[in-house]
Amino acid sequence: MTNQKPIKRKKLNDFIRTKLQVPGYKFAEFIGVSAATVQKWLYGEAAPSTNKIRKIAKDCGITFTEACELFDD
């Protein structure tokens, strides 16, 4: 049995896995951060800067507001 932390940002996880259909590390490469950073975002241990949210929105073809909502806990 593993002691894995629960994902707190389910919207972000669903977006990466379902809409983009890539593993977290590929999403990280795509937006220019480390896989560990994406993991921290998913577990609610960190949040991206406003500039990084803008980049996510632009690169993923969503609005800034939609990108912000991915990080709602």
C-alpha atoms as a PDB file:
ATOM      1  CA  MET A   1       0.000   0.000   0.000  1.00  0.00           C
ATOM      2  CA  THR A   2       1.368   3.417  -0.954  1.00  0.00           C
ATOM      3  CA  ASN A   3       1.176   6.557   1.094  1.00  0.00           C
ATOM      4  CA  GLN A   4       0.278   8.906  -1.755  1.00  0.00           C
ATOM      5  CA  LYS A   5      -1.040  12.385  -1.044  1.00  0.00           C
ATOM      6  CA  PRO A   6      -4.501  13.218  -2.374  1.00  0.00           C
ATOM      7  CA  ILE A   7      -4.691  15.615  -5.301  1.00  0.00           C
ATOM      8  CA  LYS A   8      -6.300  18.845  -4.129  1.00  0.00           C
ATOM      9  CA  ARG A   9      -6.593  20.656  -7.451  1.00  0.00           C
ATOM     10  CA  LYS A  10      -8.828  18.225  -9.275  1.00  0.00           C
ATOM     11  CA  LYS A  11      -9.702  20.759 -12.015  1.00  0.00           C
ATOM     12  CA  LEU A  12      -6.030  21.071 -12.924  1.00  0.00           C
ATOM     13  CA  ASN A  13      -5.553  17.307 -12.850  1.00  0.00           C
ATOM     14  CA  ASP A  14      -8.619  16.732 -15.050  1.00  0.00           C
ATOM     15  CA  PHE A  15      -7.474  19.431 -17.469  1.00  0.00           C
ATOM     16  CA  ILE A  16      -4.020  17.868 -17.866  1.00  0.00           C
ATOM     17  CA  ARG A  17      -5.223  14.269 -18.109  1.00  0.00           C
ATOM     18  CA  THR A  18      -8.528  14.674 -19.988  1.00  0.00           C
ATOM     19  CA  LYS A  19      -8.347  17.833 -22.105  1.00  0.00           C
ATOM     20  CA  LEU A  20      -4.642  17.827 -22.917  1.00  0.00           C
ATOM     21  CA  GLN A  21      -4.315  14.046 -22.624  1.00  0.00           C
ATOM     22  CA  VAL A  22      -0.713  14.135 -21.455  1.00  0.00           C
ATOM     23  CA  PRO A  23       1.091  13.037 -18.303  1.00  0.00           C
ATOM     24  CA  GLY A  24       1.988  15.726 -15.793  1.00  0.00           C
ATOM     25  CA  TYR A  25       5.666  15.768 -16.742  1.00  0.00           C
ATOM     26  CA  LYS A  26       4.790  16.515 -20.408  1.00  0.00           C
ATOM     27  CA  PHE A  27       2.550  19.391 -19.288  1.00  0.00           C
ATOM     28  CA  ALA A  28       5.470  20.660 -17.192  1.00  0.00           C
ATOM     29  CA  GLU A  29       7.825  20.550 -20.185  1.00  0.00           C
ATOM     30  CA  PHE A  30       5.233  22.276 -22.370  1.00  0.00           C
ATOM     31  CA  ILE A  31       4.850  25.267 -20.053  1.00  0.00           C
ATOM     32  CA  GLY A  32       8.487  25.422 -18.956  1.00  0.00           C
ATOM     33  CA  VAL A  33       8.472  24.228 -15.356  1.00  0.00           C
ATOM     34  CA  SER A  34       9.702  21.103 -13.614  1.00  0.00           C
ATOM     35  CA  ALA A  35       7.539  18.050 -13.057  1.00  0.00           C
ATOM     36  CA  ALA A  36       8.017  18.622  -9.315  1.00  0.00           C
ATOM     37  CA  THR A  37       6.472  22.082  -9.681  1.00  0.00           C
ATOM     38  CA  VAL A  38       3.377  20.649 -11.359  1.00  0.00           C
ATOM     39  CA  GLN A  39       3.121  18.065  -8.572  1.00  0.00           C
ATOM     40  CA  LYS A  40       3.241  20.850  -5.965  1.00  0.00           C
ATOM     41  CA  TRP A  41       0.481  22.666  -7.839  1.00  0.00           C
ATOM     42  CA  LEU A  42      -1.650  19.506  -7.951  1.00  0.00           C
ATOM     43  CA  TYR A  43      -1.203  18.838  -4.233  1.00  0.00           C
ATOM     44  CA  GLY A  44      -1.914  22.465  -3.291  1.00  0.00           C
ATOM     45  CA  GLU A  45       1.584  22.977  -1.906  1.00  0.00           C
ATOM     46  CA  ALA A  46       2.375  25.867  -4.267  1.00  0.00           C
ATOM     47  CA  ALA A  47       0.672  28.151  -6.743  1.00  0.00           C
ATOM     48  CA  PRO A  48       1.947  29.527 -10.041  1.00  0.00           C
ATOM     49  CA  SER A  49       2.732  33.178 -10.566  1.00  0.00           C
ATOM     50  CA  THR A  50       0.316  35.359 -12.502  1.00  0.00           C
ATOM     51  CA  ASN A  51       2.741  35.332 -15.425  1.00  0.00           C
ATOM     52  CA  LYS A  52       2.832  31.526 -15.431  1.00  0.00           C
ATOM     53  CA  ILE A  53      -0.987  31.406 -15.385  1.00  0.00           C
ATOM     54  CA  ARG A  54      -0.991  33.765 -18.386  1.00  0.00           C
ATOM     55  CA  LYS A  55       1.437  31.428 -20.176  1.00  0.00           C
ATOM     56  CA  ILE A  56      -0.731  28.397 -19.399  1.00  0.00           C
ATOM     57  CA  ALA A  57      -3.773  30.223 -20.775  1.00  0.00           C
ATOM     58  CA  LYS A  58      -1.996  31.313 -23.953  1.00  0.00           C
ATOM     59  CA  ASP A  59      -0.222  28.010 -24.632  1.00  0.00           C
ATOM     60  CA  CYS A  60      -3.292  25.875 -23.868  1.00  0.00           C
ATOM     61  CA  GLY A  61      -5.801  28.042 -25.746  1.00  0.00           C
ATOM     62  CA  ILE A  62      -7.939  28.989 -22.761  1.00  0.00           C
ATOM     63  CA  THR A  63      -8.794  32.321 -21.174  1.00  0.00           C
ATOM     64  CA  PHE A  64      -6.868  33.745 -18.248  1.00  0.00           C
ATOM     65  CA  THR A  65      -9.971  33.287 -16.078  1.00  0.00           C
ATOM     66  CA  GLU A  66     -10.256  29.627 -17.083  1.00  0.00           C
ATOM     67  CA  ALA A  67      -6.579  29.120 -16.271  1.00  0.00           C
ATOM     68  CA  CYS A  68      -7.045  30.743 -12.857  1.00  0.00           C
ATOM     69  CA  GLU A  69      -9.984  28.437 -12.134  1.00  0.00           C
ATOM     70  CA  LEU A  70      -7.722  25.410 -12.620  1.00  0.00           C
ATOM     71  CA  PHE A  71      -6.004  26.416  -9.396  1.00  0.00           C
ATOM     72  CA  ASP A  72      -9.109  26.828  -7.254  1.00  0.00           C
ATOM     73  CA  ASP A  73      -8.849  24.464  -4.319  1.00  0.00           C
END
